[in-house]
Structure formats: C-alpha cells, structure tokens
Protein backbone atom coordinates (compact mmCIF):
# COMPACT_ATOMS: atom_id res chain seq x y z
CA MET A 1 -15.23 2.11 -9.65
CA ALA A 2 -14.51 -0.63 -12.23
CA SER A 3 -16.77 -3.67 -11.88
CA GLU A 4 -15.42 -7.39 -11.80
CA SER A 5 -16.93 -7.95 -15.07
CA ALA A 6 -15.32 -4.89 -16.59
CA THR A 7 -11.79 -5.81 -15.32
CA GLY A 8 -12.31 -9.62 -16.08
CA LEU A 9 -10.68 -10.37 -12.70
CA GLY A 10 -13.75 -11.52 -10.56
CA ARG A 11 -13.10 -13.50 -7.60
CA VAL A 12 -9.67 -14.63 -8.51
CA LEU A 13 -8.57 -14.43 -4.63
CA GLU A 14 -11.42 -16.85 -3.53
CA GLY A 15 -10.42 -18.56 -0.26
CA LYS A 16 -7.17 -16.64 -0.02
CA VAL A 17 -6.38 -14.72 3.12
CA ALA A 18 -4.81 -11.29 2.95
CA ILE A 19 -3.38 -8.98 5.32
CA ILE A 20 -3.62 -5.37 4.26
CA THR A 21 -1.71 -2.58 6.19
CA GLY A 22 -3.07 1.11 6.38
CA ALA A 23 -6.74 -0.34 5.83
CA GLY A 24 -8.55 2.40 7.72
CA ARG A 25 -8.47 5.02 5.13
CA GLY A 26 -7.40 6.03 1.40
CA ILE A 27 -5.84 3.21 -0.72
CA GLY A 28 -5.82 0.61 2.15
CA ALA A 29 -9.59 0.99 2.70
CA VAL A 30 -10.41 0.78 -1.05
CA SER A 31 -8.19 -2.29 -1.29
CA ALA A 32 -9.99 -3.90 1.49
CA GLU A 33 -13.25 -3.59 -0.22
CA ILE A 34 -12.00 -4.70 -3.67
CA PHE A 35 -9.99 -7.56 -2.24
CA SER A 36 -13.20 -8.69 -0.49
CA ARG A 37 -14.94 -8.63 -3.80
CA ALA A 38 -12.29 -10.74 -5.26
CA GLY A 39 -13.01 -13.40 -2.68
CA ALA A 40 -10.24 -12.75 -0.18
CA ARG A 41 -10.64 -13.12 3.62
CA LEU A 42 -8.87 -10.21 5.43
CA THR A 43 -7.22 -9.09 8.24
CA LEU A 44 -7.27 -5.19 8.22
CA ALA A 45 -4.48 -3.41 10.13
CA ALA A 46 -4.27 0.19 11.09
CA ARG A 47 -3.29 2.37 13.95
CA THR A 48 -6.75 4.09 14.18
CA THR A 49 -9.02 1.67 15.88
CA ALA A 50 -12.33 3.35 14.70
CA GLU A 51 -11.37 3.61 11.33
CA VAL A 52 -10.27 0.26 10.56
CA GLU A 53 -13.17 -1.36 12.51
CA LYS A 54 -15.63 0.71 10.41
CA VAL A 55 -13.98 -0.72 7.02
CA ALA A 56 -14.16 -4.17 8.46
CA ALA A 57 -17.86 -3.99 9.58
CA ALA A 58 -18.71 -2.71 6.04
CA ILE A 59 -17.18 -5.63 4.48
CA ASN A 60 -18.71 -8.09 6.79
CA ASP A 61 -22.17 -6.49 6.24
CA ARG A 62 -22.02 -7.03 2.65
CA GLY A 63 -21.24 -10.89 3.10
CA GLY A 64 -17.45 -10.63 3.20
CA GLU A 65 -15.01 -11.85 6.03
CA ALA A 66 -12.67 -9.25 7.61
CA ILE A 67 -11.16 -8.82 11.03
CA ALA A 68 -9.93 -5.53 12.14
CA VAL A 69 -6.62 -5.55 14.38
CA THR A 70 -5.16 -2.31 15.80
CA THR A 71 -1.59 -2.30 14.63
CA ASP A 72 1.46 0.03 14.67
CA ILE A 73 3.66 -1.41 11.99
CA ALA A 74 6.65 0.50 13.28
CA ASP A 75 6.38 -1.68 16.55
CA PRO A 76 7.64 -5.32 15.86
CA GLN A 77 5.51 -6.53 18.77
CA SER A 78 2.34 -4.97 17.38
CA VAL A 79 2.87 -6.49 14.11
CA GLU A 80 3.65 -10.05 15.70
CA ALA A 81 0.40 -9.69 17.43
CA MET A 82 -1.51 -8.72 14.26
CA VAL A 83 0.01 -11.90 12.62
CA ARG A 84 -0.85 -14.04 15.52
CA ALA A 85 -4.51 -12.86 15.45
CA THR A 86 -4.66 -13.61 11.56
CA LEU A 87 -3.54 -17.19 12.30
CA SER A 88 -5.68 -17.60 15.02
CA ARG A 89 -8.83 -16.57 12.79
CA TYR A 90 -7.94 -18.26 9.65
CA GLY A 91 -5.12 -20.66 10.13
CA THR A 92 -2.77 -19.23 7.48
CA VAL A 93 -1.86 -16.23 5.32
CA ASP A 94 -1.35 -16.15 1.84
CA ILE A 95 -1.10 -12.42 0.98
CA LEU A 96 0.69 -9.36 2.62
CA ILE A 97 -0.27 -5.98 1.20
CA ASN A 98 2.31 -3.47 2.64
CA ASN A 99 0.05 -0.21 2.22
CA ALA A 100 0.60 1.66 5.44
CA ALA A 101 2.89 4.67 5.30
CA ILE A 102 3.13 8.38 6.40
CA PRO A 103 4.10 11.29 4.17
CA GLY A 104 5.81 13.40 7.04
CA LYS A 105 6.02 17.10 7.13
CA ASP A 106 7.46 19.11 4.37
CA ALA A 107 10.79 20.34 5.32
CA TYR A 108 14.03 21.27 3.57
CA ILE A 109 16.93 18.86 4.88
CA GLU A 110 18.51 21.57 7.06
CA ASP A 111 15.14 22.10 8.63
CA ALA A 112 14.20 18.68 9.04
CA PRO A 113 14.75 17.52 12.66
CA LEU A 114 16.29 13.98 13.00
CA GLU A 115 13.05 12.67 14.74
CA GLN A 116 11.23 13.49 11.39
CA TRP A 117 13.60 11.28 9.31
CA GLN A 118 13.62 8.54 12.04
CA GLN A 119 9.79 8.41 12.10
CA ALA A 120 9.56 8.16 8.29
CA ILE A 121 12.14 5.40 7.97
CA ARG A 122 10.69 3.69 11.03
CA VAL A 123 7.12 3.61 9.58
CA ASP A 124 7.55 3.60 5.76
CA LEU A 125 10.74 1.27 5.60
CA PHE A 126 11.17 -0.54 8.84
CA GLY A 127 7.33 -1.02 9.14
CA THR A 128 7.31 -2.81 5.79
CA PHE A 129 10.42 -4.90 7.09
CA ASN A 130 8.47 -5.83 10.37
CA CYS A 131 5.46 -7.03 8.59
CA CYS A 132 7.43 -9.07 5.95
CA HIS A 133 9.65 -10.28 8.93
CA SER A 134 6.61 -11.82 10.62
CA VAL A 135 4.65 -13.32 7.63
CA VAL A 136 7.58 -14.72 5.41
CA PRO A 137 8.08 -17.80 7.74
CA VAL A 138 4.18 -18.68 7.34
CA LEU A 139 4.62 -18.23 3.47
CA LYS A 140 7.89 -20.35 3.39
CA GLN A 141 6.29 -23.24 5.41
CA LYS A 142 3.44 -23.50 2.66
CA ARG A 143 5.91 -22.72 -0.11
CA SER A 144 3.50 -20.15 -1.62
CA GLY A 145 2.47 -16.57 -1.26
CA ARG A 146 2.23 -13.07 -2.43
CA ILE A 147 3.94 -9.88 -0.95
CA ILE A 148 2.90 -6.49 -2.41
CA ILE A 149 4.84 -3.38 -1.30
CA LEU A 150 3.75 0.18 -2.09
CA SER A 151 6.29 2.72 -2.90
CA SER A 152 5.71 6.05 -4.83
CA THR A 153 6.58 7.55 -8.17
CA ALA A 154 8.40 10.16 -6.20
CA ILE A 155 11.32 7.88 -6.33
CA HIS A 156 11.68 8.73 -9.89
CA ASN A 157 10.39 12.34 -9.70
CA PRO A 158 11.37 13.57 -6.41
CA ILE A 159 9.29 15.97 -4.49
CA VAL A 160 11.26 18.94 -2.96
CA ARG A 161 11.05 19.01 0.94
CA LYS A 162 10.39 15.44 1.04
CA THR A 163 13.72 13.88 1.22
CA HIS A 164 12.72 11.64 4.20
CA TYR A 165 9.84 10.21 2.30
CA VAL A 166 11.62 9.67 -0.92
CA ALA A 167 14.35 8.01 0.74
CA ALA A 168 12.17 5.51 2.58
CA LYS A 169 10.09 4.77 -0.44
CA THR A 170 13.23 4.26 -2.60
CA GLY A 171 14.65 2.00 -0.16
CA LEU A 172 11.36 -0.24 -0.59
CA VAL A 173 12.48 -1.06 -3.95
CA GLY A 174 15.63 -2.42 -3.01
CA LEU A 175 14.03 -4.51 -0.24
CA CYS A 176 11.44 -5.86 -2.77
CA ARG A 177 14.16 -6.84 -5.40
CA THR A 178 16.07 -8.62 -2.71
CA LEU A 179 13.24 -10.35 -1.07
CA ALA A 180 12.03 -11.34 -4.39
CA LEU A 181 15.42 -13.45 -5.03
CA GLU A 182 15.46 -14.77 -1.42
CA LEU A 183 11.67 -16.13 -1.70
CA ALA A 184 11.52 -17.32 -5.38
CA PRO A 185 12.72 -20.80 -4.38
CA TYR A 186 9.62 -21.03 -2.22
CA ASN A 187 7.10 -19.93 -5.14
CA ILE A 188 6.71 -16.56 -3.22
CA THR A 189 6.49 -13.51 -5.38
CA VAL A 190 7.35 -10.09 -4.16
CA ASN A 191 6.55 -6.92 -6.21
CA THR A 192 6.16 -3.20 -5.86
CA VAL A 193 3.48 -1.06 -6.94
CA THR A 194 4.37 2.70 -7.38
CA PRO A 195 1.44 4.92 -7.43
CA GLY A 196 1.48 8.47 -8.82
CA ALA A 197 -0.61 11.36 -7.52
CA VAL A 198 -3.69 9.45 -6.01
CA GLU A 199 -6.95 11.35 -5.71
CA GLY A 200 -7.82 11.66 -1.91
CA GLU A 201 -7.72 13.78 1.10
CA LEU A 202 -3.81 13.67 1.40
CA LEU A 203 -3.18 14.83 -2.18
CA VAL A 204 -6.01 17.58 -1.99
CA ASN A 205 -4.62 18.92 1.37
CA TYR A 206 -1.16 19.01 -0.20
CA MET A 207 -2.12 20.70 -3.31
CA LYS A 208 -4.25 23.34 -1.22
CA ARG A 209 -1.12 23.93 0.87
CA LEU A 210 1.30 24.39 -1.92
CA ALA A 211 -1.38 26.71 -3.75
CA GLY A 212 -1.49 28.95 -0.66
CA GLU A 213 2.16 29.07 -0.44
CA GLN A 214 2.32 30.22 -3.96
CA GLY A 215 -0.70 32.50 -3.87
CA LYS A 216 -2.68 30.63 -6.44
CA PRO A 217 -6.27 29.55 -6.48
CA TYR A 218 -6.67 25.85 -5.65
CA GLU A 219 -8.35 24.90 -8.94
CA GLU A 220 -5.71 26.69 -11.03
CA PHE A 221 -2.92 24.77 -8.98
CA ARG A 222 -4.86 21.44 -9.49
CA LYS A 223 -4.74 21.81 -13.21
CA GLN A 224 -1.09 22.99 -13.20
CA PHE A 225 -0.28 19.67 -11.13
CA GLU A 226 -2.31 17.47 -13.57
CA ALA A 227 -0.82 19.02 -16.53
CA PRO A 228 2.44 16.99 -16.85
CA ILE A 229 0.43 13.73 -16.57
CA PRO A 230 -0.02 12.20 -20.02
CA MET A 231 -3.41 10.74 -19.06
CA LYS A 232 -4.44 14.21 -17.45
CA ARG A 233 -6.02 12.76 -14.60
CA PHE A 234 -4.94 11.66 -11.07
CA VAL A 235 -4.65 7.99 -10.04
CA GLN A 236 -7.85 6.62 -8.32
CA PRO A 237 -7.37 4.31 -5.32
CA GLU A 238 -9.29 1.77 -7.15
CA ASP A 239 -6.43 1.70 -9.78
CA ILE A 240 -3.91 0.76 -7.31
CA ALA A 241 -6.34 -1.90 -5.45
CA TRP A 242 -6.97 -3.85 -8.95
CA MET A 243 -3.19 -3.85 -9.56
CA GLU A 244 -2.77 -5.33 -6.01
CA VAL A 245 -5.50 -8.01 -6.71
CA PHE A 246 -3.87 -9.04 -10.17
CA LEU A 247 -0.27 -9.28 -8.62
CA SER A 248 -1.65 -11.25 -5.61
CA SER A 249 -3.59 -13.70 -7.93
CA ASP A 250 -2.43 -16.70 -9.79
CA LEU A 251 -2.62 -14.85 -12.89
CA ALA A 252 0.80 -13.21 -11.83
CA GLY A 253 2.55 -16.13 -10.68
CA ASN A 254 5.60 -15.59 -12.92
CA ILE A 255 5.93 -11.94 -12.01
CA THR A 256 8.39 -11.10 -9.32
CA GLY A 257 10.82 -8.40 -8.24
CA VAL A 258 9.41 -5.76 -10.32
CA GLU A 259 8.29 -2.26 -9.69
CA ILE A 260 5.05 -1.28 -11.70
CA PRO A 261 4.18 2.26 -11.86
CA VAL A 262 0.30 3.18 -11.83
CA ASP A 263 0.53 6.93 -12.81
CA GLY A 264 -1.23 7.78 -15.85
CA GLY A 265 2.05 7.66 -17.64
CA GLY A 266 3.74 10.17 -15.39
CA SER A 267 6.98 8.37 -14.99
CA ILE A 268 7.37 8.14 -18.71
C-alpha cells in the first residue's frame, strides 16, 4: 500500500465528513481506511452489518472516527436513514463516495430474466441516484462538496454476458456529467472513476469461472487476462481509493464532470 508520504497527499481531508457506500469489503473497505488516514470522519454504509461494523471498528481502534450504518442503497428510505444518522453524528456531509454496486450473474440477454436486469439497474444506477438525491440538499445548503461515482472500464470494453452491468455503469457517466452541470454553481464537483480489472475476490472468482468454462488452468487464464493491459498488472483497490481522495480534496477543486480511468492503460 502506498504511504501518505509516497503519494504526497497526507491528511488532505482533515475534518471532512465522507459517506462511503459499499464499505464492507473490497474497494469500499480499502477506501474507508485510506480516507480515515487522510483525516476524514466517516459514515460507512453497506448491506452486510457484520462486515461494515468490522471495518468501522478497525478504523476507530486506530484512532480514526467512523460509524457503520446498515444500508440498502436500492431502498430510498434506507438511504435517507443513513444520511440522517450521518447528520446526527457529525452535523454535516462534505463527500459522497458512491462505491456500492453488484455485478449480477453472467447471462446472454435472451437468457437473462427481467428481474436480473431490474436488480442491476436498481442497485448500480438507482442506488447511486438515491444517495445523491439525499445528500445533494446538504451540499447545496453549504455551497460546497464532492461527489465521486464509481463506474467501470467495461463501459469502454464491454464484457459478454454482462449487458445489465455495462448498461447500468454507462448510465452512471451520464448521471455524473449532468449532475456536475447542475451543481457547479454551488461549488460542488461530481466526477466518475472507472476502475479496470481490480485485484480481489470478485475478479479471482470471475476468472476461475471463465477458466473452468474454457478448460484452462487458472494461472494460465490469469496471464491471458493481464496480457492486454499495458502495465501488465491488475489495479489494486488502493489505486482507486487514492484517486477518490484526490478528487475529494481541495487539490481537485476545479475538476468536475469527468470520467477518469484507473486501469493500467487498459482503456487506451
């Protein structure tokens, strides 16, 4: 993991309050740790109570400040309750990190049940809308803030049998750009980070499943998967978290409405 001194960012979020969704595991959990190291006070939201409470407890044990709020971002009332809990604890919100998403099951479109499409759109697209809908009034009132939306480089390099996921993640870029225009007069920036293939349990399980379908050893398939990436390595969750920190800081105060790939050059 890169250190603060190595990145030069340090505690650039000192005193800021950030909401991070999907914070129980993966990129969200790593982002929570790094945002805390950067000085932010945190609300960590996720559907799985035990996981998100564990992440919050680890941050508090290290001297940070975090609350865990069990949240289903697809449920507007659940999101409203999470934002109320944040305001009750901290009195404000400065940063919203829209990390929570589901990949959905692999399926060709003729085999994909409508419920699968609805779930992907409800969580990945509507869930982000719900969070923005609840947080934006707070940011507008204080006339400052940062909103980060996580999409995926799959919007540029689509994945077969993932039409539901790619459609939802593509929609997020449109949401980002339009919301950036709406909120610019209030000194609120809105940006999209599009990760490439991120090292972690989801990617490993996905590659193992495809390797099995093609009758290839996992390690051979992994090398095949990495080969087209110019940097020849998968993205680390920390790579995404540090980009989020930068975009959330005053250093990025004049950057808005853009989509930034973090993918080792894979989208070139």
